[in-house]
């Protein structure tokens, strides 16, 4: 049986070390690893056996906004990923919620509170601050995004950034034919006919993500 693991991806040594100590004390049967970049997190997650949770710093040297989250989500599948950040901007929190993170932890909170939140996430709960505003359009866009697979979401969001099929294929390390198949599935699921309509269908969410990142 694989050792239960928690991975902390944070480039601030004091925060990472303090959080590791708090979690190790509460979960002595878990291995708590710290990495300082998304690339290092990807390396640590190549073998996903035993990984129960990843705590991902919103701002890492090799991550632009939520790009690091997408990279790990694509790699880990259903393994829960929570965002941890020193920035409590509601836009950042909302983006984490709609993109499928299992929680949002603020570095300004006491360690025991953070450990309590991690405990809830390990039980399968989603843990976020209360919503600060009504976001009907964002919720509708989230609903559309949630009909897509993780790979399809990455393709669509790359599309929204203006990337061509060839660029997206290189980013995901797949063939252009695979990207075209993803696009066909995306258009069908969203009920649209082309790339422009697909991007417009999630525009409210994209605006939220732009503000957040």
C-alpha atoms as a PDB file:
ATOM      1  CA  UNK A   1       0.000   0.000   0.000  1.00  0.00           C
ATOM      2  CA  UNK A   2       1.377   3.420  -1.022  1.00  0.00           C
ATOM      3  CA  UNK A   3       2.352   5.871   1.703  1.00  0.00           C
ATOM      4  CA  UNK A   4      -0.228   8.655   2.103  1.00  0.00           C
ATOM      5  CA  UNK A   5       1.267  11.913   0.854  1.00  0.00           C
ATOM      6  CA  UNK A   6       0.539  15.630   1.022  1.00  0.00           C
ATOM      7  CA  UNK A   7       2.514  17.918  -1.287  1.00  0.00           C
ATOM      8  CA  UNK A   8       3.049  21.613  -0.542  1.00  0.00           C
ATOM      9  CA  UNK A   9       4.181  23.704  -3.513  1.00  0.00           C
ATOM     10  CA  UNK A  10       5.323  27.011  -2.026  1.00  0.00           C
ATOM     11  CA  UNK A  11       8.488  29.029  -2.586  1.00  0.00           C
ATOM     12  CA  UNK A  12       8.323  30.851   0.755  1.00  0.00           C
ATOM     13  CA  UNK A  13      10.422  28.652   3.086  1.00  0.00           C
ATOM     14  CA  UNK A  14       8.941  29.934   6.345  1.00  0.00           C
ATOM     15  CA  UNK A  15       5.362  29.336   5.244  1.00  0.00           C
ATOM     16  CA  UNK A  16       6.111  25.942   3.711  1.00  0.00           C
ATOM     17  CA  UNK A  17       8.121  24.675   6.669  1.00  0.00           C
ATOM     18  CA  UNK A  18       5.589  25.891   9.236  1.00  0.00           C
ATOM     19  CA  UNK A  19       2.713  24.303   7.359  1.00  0.00           C
ATOM     20  CA  UNK A  20       4.626  21.039   6.950  1.00  0.00           C
ATOM     21  CA  UNK A  21       5.322  20.907  10.705  1.00  0.00           C
ATOM     22  CA  UNK A  22       1.664  21.556  11.511  1.00  0.00           C
ATOM     23  CA  UNK A  23       0.432  18.879   9.097  1.00  0.00           C
ATOM     24  CA  UNK A  24       3.100  16.342  10.083  1.00  0.00           C
ATOM     25  CA  UNK A  25       2.078  16.725  13.734  1.00  0.00           C
ATOM     26  CA  UNK A  26      -1.577  16.174  12.877  1.00  0.00           C
ATOM     27  CA  UNK A  27      -0.951  13.409  10.348  1.00  0.00           C
ATOM     28  CA  UNK A  28       2.119  11.468  11.502  1.00  0.00           C
ATOM     29  CA  UNK A  29       1.243   8.643   9.103  1.00  0.00           C
ATOM     30  CA  UNK A  30       1.419  11.004   6.097  1.00  0.00           C
ATOM     31  CA  UNK A  31       4.544  12.062   4.250  1.00  0.00           C
ATOM     32  CA  UNK A  32       4.491  15.841   3.743  1.00  0.00           C
ATOM     33  CA  UNK A  33       6.781  17.052   0.963  1.00  0.00           C
ATOM     34  CA  UNK A  34       7.661  20.636   0.048  1.00  0.00           C
ATOM     35  CA  UNK A  35       8.602  21.804  -3.439  1.00  0.00           C
ATOM     36  CA  UNK A  36       9.238  25.374  -4.585  1.00  0.00           C
ATOM     37  CA  UNK A  37       8.030  25.382  -8.191  1.00  0.00           C
ATOM     38  CA  UNK A  38       5.351  23.919 -10.434  1.00  0.00           C
ATOM     39  CA  UNK A  39       8.001  21.958 -12.331  1.00  0.00           C
ATOM     40  CA  UNK A  40       9.186  20.380  -9.075  1.00  0.00           C
ATOM     41  CA  UNK A  41       5.580  19.641  -8.126  1.00  0.00           C
ATOM     42  CA  UNK A  42       5.057  17.939 -11.489  1.00  0.00           C
ATOM     43  CA  UNK A  43       8.145  15.813 -10.874  1.00  0.00           C
ATOM     44  CA  UNK A  44       6.884  14.883  -7.390  1.00  0.00           C
ATOM     45  CA  UNK A  45       3.475  14.000  -8.799  1.00  0.00           C
ATOM     46  CA  UNK A  46       4.640  11.822 -11.698  1.00  0.00           C
ATOM     47  CA  UNK A  47       3.753   8.882  -9.504  1.00  0.00           C
ATOM     48  CA  UNK A  48       0.402   9.923  -8.076  1.00  0.00           C
ATOM     49  CA  UNK A  49       0.119   6.861  -5.810  1.00  0.00           C
ATOM     50  CA  UNK A  50      -0.673   7.855  -2.276  1.00  0.00           C
ATOM     51  CA  UNK A  51      -1.121  11.577  -2.975  1.00  0.00           C
ATOM     52  CA  UNK A  52      -4.175  12.730  -1.057  1.00  0.00           C
ATOM     53  CA  UNK A  53      -3.840  16.485  -1.444  1.00  0.00           C
ATOM     54  CA  UNK A  54      -1.702  19.140  -3.127  1.00  0.00           C
ATOM     55  CA  UNK A  55      -1.478  22.639  -1.637  1.00  0.00           C
ATOM     56  CA  UNK A  56      -0.420  24.944  -4.459  1.00  0.00           C
ATOM     57  CA  UNK A  57       0.811  28.497  -3.959  1.00  0.00           C
ATOM     58  CA  UNK A  58      -1.038  30.824  -6.327  1.00  0.00           C
ATOM     59  CA  UNK A  59       2.162  32.626  -7.262  1.00  0.00           C
ATOM     60  CA  UNK A  60       5.217  30.557  -8.081  1.00  0.00           C
ATOM     61  CA  UNK A  61       8.195  31.563 -10.249  1.00  0.00           C
ATOM     62  CA  UNK A  62       7.181  29.276 -13.129  1.00  0.00           C
ATOM     63  CA  UNK A  63       3.419  29.797 -12.950  1.00  0.00           C
ATOM     64  CA  UNK A  64       1.367  32.510 -14.631  1.00  0.00           C
ATOM     65  CA  UNK A  65      -1.914  32.904 -12.758  1.00  0.00           C
ATOM     66  CA  UNK A  66      -3.662  29.532 -12.763  1.00  0.00           C
ATOM     67  CA  UNK A  67      -1.424  27.891 -15.374  1.00  0.00           C
ATOM     68  CA  UNK A  68       0.333  25.875 -12.660  1.00  0.00           C
ATOM     69  CA  UNK A  69      -3.019  24.647 -11.371  1.00  0.00           C
ATOM     70  CA  UNK A  70      -3.990  23.417 -14.836  1.00  0.00           C
ATOM     71  CA  UNK A  71      -0.661  21.656 -15.287  1.00  0.00           C
ATOM     72  CA  UNK A  72      -1.059  19.742 -12.028  1.00  0.00           C
ATOM     73  CA  UNK A  73      -4.767  19.101 -12.575  1.00  0.00           C
ATOM     74  CA  UNK A  74      -4.002  17.577 -15.964  1.00  0.00           C
ATOM     75  CA  UNK A  75      -1.322  15.400 -14.415  1.00  0.00           C
ATOM     76  CA  UNK A  76      -3.197  14.319 -11.271  1.00  0.00           C
ATOM     77  CA  UNK A  77      -6.748  13.849 -12.516  1.00  0.00           C
ATOM     78  CA  UNK A  78      -9.065  13.505  -9.509  1.00  0.00           C
ATOM     79  CA  UNK A  79      -6.444  14.175  -6.814  1.00  0.00           C
ATOM     80  CA  UNK A  80      -7.657  17.303  -4.957  1.00  0.00           C
ATOM     81  CA  UNK A  81      -5.648  20.499  -5.352  1.00  0.00           C
ATOM     82  CA  UNK A  82      -6.132  23.502  -3.049  1.00  0.00           C
ATOM     83  CA  UNK A  83      -4.828  27.004  -3.653  1.00  0.00           C
ATOM     84  CA  UNK A  84      -2.861  28.666  -0.885  1.00  0.00           C
ATOM     85  CA  UNK A  85      -2.141  32.359  -1.204  1.00  0.00           C
ATOM     86  CA  UNK A  86      -1.230  35.525   0.613  1.00  0.00           C
ATOM     87  CA  UNK A  87      -3.725  37.351  -1.601  1.00  0.00           C
ATOM     88  CA  UNK A  88      -7.351  37.199  -0.519  1.00  0.00           C
ATOM     89  CA  UNK A  89      -8.785  38.997  -3.564  1.00  0.00           C
ATOM     90  CA  UNK A  90     -12.348  37.685  -4.109  1.00  0.00           C
ATOM     91  CA  UNK A  91     -11.582  37.352  -7.826  1.00  0.00           C
ATOM     92  CA  UNK A  92      -8.726  34.948  -7.101  1.00  0.00           C
ATOM     93  CA  UNK A  93     -10.898  32.959  -4.702  1.00  0.00           C
ATOM     94  CA  UNK A  94     -13.777  32.783  -7.178  1.00  0.00           C
ATOM     95  CA  UNK A  95     -11.478  31.650  -9.981  1.00  0.00           C
ATOM     96  CA  UNK A  96     -10.150  28.843  -7.749  1.00  0.00           C
ATOM     97  CA  UNK A  97     -13.705  27.782  -6.968  1.00  0.00           C
ATOM     98  CA  UNK A  98     -14.964  27.688 -10.539  1.00  0.00           C
ATOM     99  CA  UNK A  99     -11.865  25.973 -11.928  1.00  0.00           C
ATOM    100  CA  UNK A 100     -12.298  22.990  -9.635  1.00  0.00           C
ATOM    101  CA  UNK A 101      -9.888  23.570  -6.737  1.00  0.00           C
ATOM    102  CA  UNK A 102     -10.933  21.782  -3.550  1.00  0.00           C
ATOM    103  CA  UNK A 103     -10.287  24.841  -1.400  1.00  0.00           C
ATOM    104  CA  UNK A 104      -8.626  28.193  -0.876  1.00  0.00           C
ATOM    105  CA  UNK A 105      -6.322  28.799   2.084  1.00  0.00           C
ATOM    106  CA  UNK A 106      -5.022  32.206   3.091  1.00  0.00           C
ATOM    107  CA  UNK A 107      -1.474  32.429   4.434  1.00  0.00           C
ATOM    108  CA  UNK A 108      -2.708  35.100   6.851  1.00  0.00           C
ATOM    109  CA  UNK A 109      -4.706  32.502   8.815  1.00  0.00           C
ATOM    110  CA  UNK A 110      -3.284  30.782  11.933  1.00  0.00           C
ATOM    111  CA  UNK A 111      -1.619  27.426  11.355  1.00  0.00           C
ATOM    112  CA  UNK A 112      -4.171  25.542  13.427  1.00  0.00           C
ATOM    113  CA  UNK A 113      -6.965  27.011  11.291  1.00  0.00           C
ATOM    114  CA  UNK A 114      -5.129  25.992   8.112  1.00  0.00           C
ATOM    115  CA  UNK A 115      -4.645  22.486   9.509  1.00  0.00           C
ATOM    116  CA  UNK A 116      -8.386  22.304  10.291  1.00  0.00           C
ATOM    117  CA  UNK A 117      -9.183  23.343   6.725  1.00  0.00           C
ATOM    118  CA  UNK A 118      -6.813  20.692   5.354  1.00  0.00           C
ATOM    119  CA  UNK A 119      -8.517  18.096   7.551  1.00  0.00           C
ATOM    120  CA  UNK A 120     -11.881  19.016   6.040  1.00  0.00           C
ATOM    121  CA  UNK A 121     -10.462  18.783   2.519  1.00  0.00           C
ATOM    122  CA  UNK A 122      -9.004  15.356   3.265  1.00  0.00           C
ATOM    123  CA  UNK A 123     -12.525  14.305   4.258  1.00  0.00           C
ATOM    124  CA  UNK A 124     -13.683  15.318   0.785  1.00  0.00           C
ATOM    125  CA  UNK A 125     -15.117  18.764   1.561  1.00  0.00           C
ATOM    126  CA  UNK A 126     -14.586  21.832  -0.575  1.00  0.00           C
ATOM    127  CA  UNK A 127     -13.408  24.660   1.681  1.00  0.00           C
ATOM    128  CA  UNK A 128     -13.757  28.278   0.545  1.00  0.00           C
ATOM    129  CA  UNK A 129     -14.484  31.660   2.102  1.00  0.00           C
ATOM    130  CA  UNK A 130     -18.150  32.679   1.739  1.00  0.00           C
ATOM    131  CA  UNK A 131     -18.997  34.186  -1.673  1.00  0.00           C
ATOM    132  CA  UNK A 132     -18.841  37.968  -1.591  1.00  0.00           C
ATOM    133  CA  UNK A 133     -21.156  38.663  -4.491  1.00  0.00           C
ATOM    134  CA  UNK A 134     -23.818  37.139  -6.706  1.00  0.00           C
ATOM    135  CA  UNK A 135     -22.275  35.837  -9.894  1.00  0.00           C
ATOM    136  CA  UNK A 136     -25.044  34.329 -12.012  1.00  0.00           C
ATOM    137  CA  UNK A 137     -23.160  34.728 -15.282  1.00  0.00           C
ATOM    138  CA  UNK A 138     -19.961  33.334 -13.783  1.00  0.00           C
ATOM    139  CA  UNK A 139     -21.870  30.378 -12.328  1.00  0.00           C
ATOM    140  CA  UNK A 140     -23.462  29.714 -15.733  1.00  0.00           C
ATOM    141  CA  UNK A 141     -20.034  29.831 -17.397  1.00  0.00           C
ATOM    142  CA  UNK A 142     -18.676  27.517 -14.708  1.00  0.00           C
ATOM    143  CA  UNK A 143     -21.493  25.081 -15.408  1.00  0.00           C
ATOM    144  CA  UNK A 144     -20.513  25.023 -19.063  1.00  0.00           C
ATOM    145  CA  UNK A 145     -16.839  24.564 -18.203  1.00  0.00           C
ATOM    146  CA  UNK A 146     -17.624  21.704 -15.826  1.00  0.00           C
ATOM    147  CA  UNK A 147     -19.157  19.680 -18.661  1.00  0.00           C
ATOM    148  CA  UNK A 148     -15.645  19.399 -20.129  1.00  0.00           C
ATOM    149  CA  UNK A 149     -12.872  17.017 -19.161  1.00  0.00           C
ATOM    150  CA  UNK A 150      -9.660  18.358 -17.646  1.00  0.00           C
ATOM    151  CA  UNK A 151      -7.849  18.098 -20.988  1.00  0.00           C
ATOM    152  CA  UNK A 152     -10.729  19.782 -22.807  1.00  0.00           C
ATOM    153  CA  UNK A 153     -10.699  22.659 -20.298  1.00  0.00           C
ATOM    154  CA  UNK A 154      -6.996  23.196 -20.916  1.00  0.00           C
ATOM    155  CA  UNK A 155      -7.587  23.203 -24.682  1.00  0.00           C
ATOM    156  CA  UNK A 156     -10.427  25.717 -24.385  1.00  0.00           C
ATOM    157  CA  UNK A 157      -8.513  28.052 -22.081  1.00  0.00           C
ATOM    158  CA  UNK A 158      -5.478  27.900 -24.372  1.00  0.00           C
ATOM    159  CA  UNK A 159      -7.836  28.707 -27.224  1.00  0.00           C
ATOM    160  CA  UNK A 160      -9.055  31.740 -25.298  1.00  0.00           C
ATOM    161  CA  UNK A 161      -5.451  32.937 -25.027  1.00  0.00           C
ATOM    162  CA  UNK A 162      -5.222  32.876 -28.809  1.00  0.00           C
ATOM    163  CA  UNK A 163      -3.075  29.759 -29.117  1.00  0.00           C
ATOM    164  CA  UNK A 164      -3.140  27.799 -32.365  1.00  0.00           C
ATOM    165  CA  UNK A 165      -3.766  24.052 -32.533  1.00  0.00           C
ATOM    166  CA  UNK A 166      -0.056  23.408 -33.036  1.00  0.00           C
ATOM    167  CA  UNK A 167       0.860  25.447 -29.923  1.00  0.00           C
ATOM    168  CA  UNK A 168      -1.780  23.704 -27.803  1.00  0.00           C
ATOM    169  CA  UNK A 169      -0.581  20.302 -29.006  1.00  0.00           C
ATOM    170  CA  UNK A 170       2.975  21.168 -27.964  1.00  0.00           C
ATOM    171  CA  UNK A 171       1.787  22.429 -24.562  1.00  0.00           C
ATOM    172  CA  UNK A 172      -0.150  19.231 -23.859  1.00  0.00           C
ATOM    173  CA  UNK A 173       2.424  17.005 -25.537  1.00  0.00           C
ATOM    174  CA  UNK A 174      -0.155  15.415 -27.840  1.00  0.00           C
ATOM    175  CA  UNK A 175      -0.781  15.410 -31.591  1.00  0.00           C
ATOM    176  CA  UNK A 176      -2.690  18.092 -33.496  1.00  0.00           C
ATOM    177  CA  UNK A 177      -5.209  15.403 -34.411  1.00  0.00           C
ATOM    178  CA  UNK A 178      -5.904  14.914 -30.691  1.00  0.00           C
ATOM    179  CA  UNK A 179      -6.452  18.670 -30.276  1.00  0.00           C
ATOM    180  CA  UNK A 180      -8.907  18.667 -33.192  1.00  0.00           C
ATOM    181  CA  UNK A 181     -10.772  15.771 -31.582  1.00  0.00           C
ATOM    182  CA  UNK A 182     -10.905  17.708 -28.301  1.00  0.00           C
ATOM    183  CA  UNK A 183     -12.259  20.770 -30.115  1.00  0.00           C
ATOM    184  CA  UNK A 184     -14.991  18.711 -31.795  1.00  0.00           C
ATOM    185  CA  UNK A 185     -16.037  17.373 -28.384  1.00  0.00           C
ATOM    186  CA  UNK A 186     -15.879  20.868 -26.840  1.00  0.00           C
ATOM    187  CA  UNK A 187     -18.112  22.365 -29.543  1.00  0.00           C
ATOM    188  CA  UNK A 188     -20.620  19.547 -29.102  1.00  0.00           C
ATOM    189  CA  UNK A 189     -20.731  19.824 -25.301  1.00  0.00           C
ATOM    190  CA  UNK A 190     -21.049  23.623 -25.328  1.00  0.00           C
ATOM    191  CA  UNK A 191     -23.592  23.624 -28.163  1.00  0.00           C
ATOM    192  CA  UNK A 192     -21.509  25.941 -30.349  1.00  0.00           C
ATOM    193  CA  UNK A 193     -20.267  25.820 -33.924  1.00  0.00           C
ATOM    194  CA  UNK A 194     -16.790  27.329 -33.837  1.00  0.00           C
ATOM    195  CA  UNK A 195     -13.833  28.499 -31.773  1.00  0.00           C
ATOM    196  CA  UNK A 196     -15.119  32.042 -31.309  1.00  0.00           C
ATOM    197  CA  UNK A 197     -18.489  30.907 -29.975  1.00  0.00           C
ATOM    198  CA  UNK A 198     -16.760  28.473 -27.621  1.00  0.00           C
ATOM    199  CA  UNK A 199     -14.624  31.226 -26.112  1.00  0.00           C
ATOM    200  CA  UNK A 200     -17.610  33.608 -25.861  1.00  0.00           C
ATOM    201  CA  UNK A 201     -19.596  30.966 -23.966  1.00  0.00           C
ATOM    202  CA  UNK A 202     -17.165  31.176 -21.034  1.00  0.00           C
ATOM    203  CA  UNK A 203     -16.343  34.896 -21.359  1.00  0.00           C
ATOM    204  CA  UNK A 204     -17.713  35.883 -17.903  1.00  0.00           C
ATOM    205  CA  UNK A 205     -15.409  33.321 -16.299  1.00  0.00           C
ATOM    206  CA  UNK A 206     -12.450  34.481 -18.393  1.00  0.00           C
ATOM    207  CA  UNK A 207     -12.977  38.043 -17.141  1.00  0.00           C
ATOM    208  CA  UNK A 208     -12.863  36.756 -13.568  1.00  0.00           C
ATOM    209  CA  UNK A 209      -9.642  34.877 -14.280  1.00  0.00           C
ATOM    210  CA  UNK A 210      -8.099  37.936 -15.962  1.00  0.00           C
ATOM    211  CA  UNK A 211      -8.785  40.001 -12.829  1.00  0.00           C
ATOM    212  CA  UNK A 212      -7.356  37.215 -10.678  1.00  0.00           C
ATOM    213  CA  UNK A 213      -4.151  36.622 -12.552  1.00  0.00           C
END
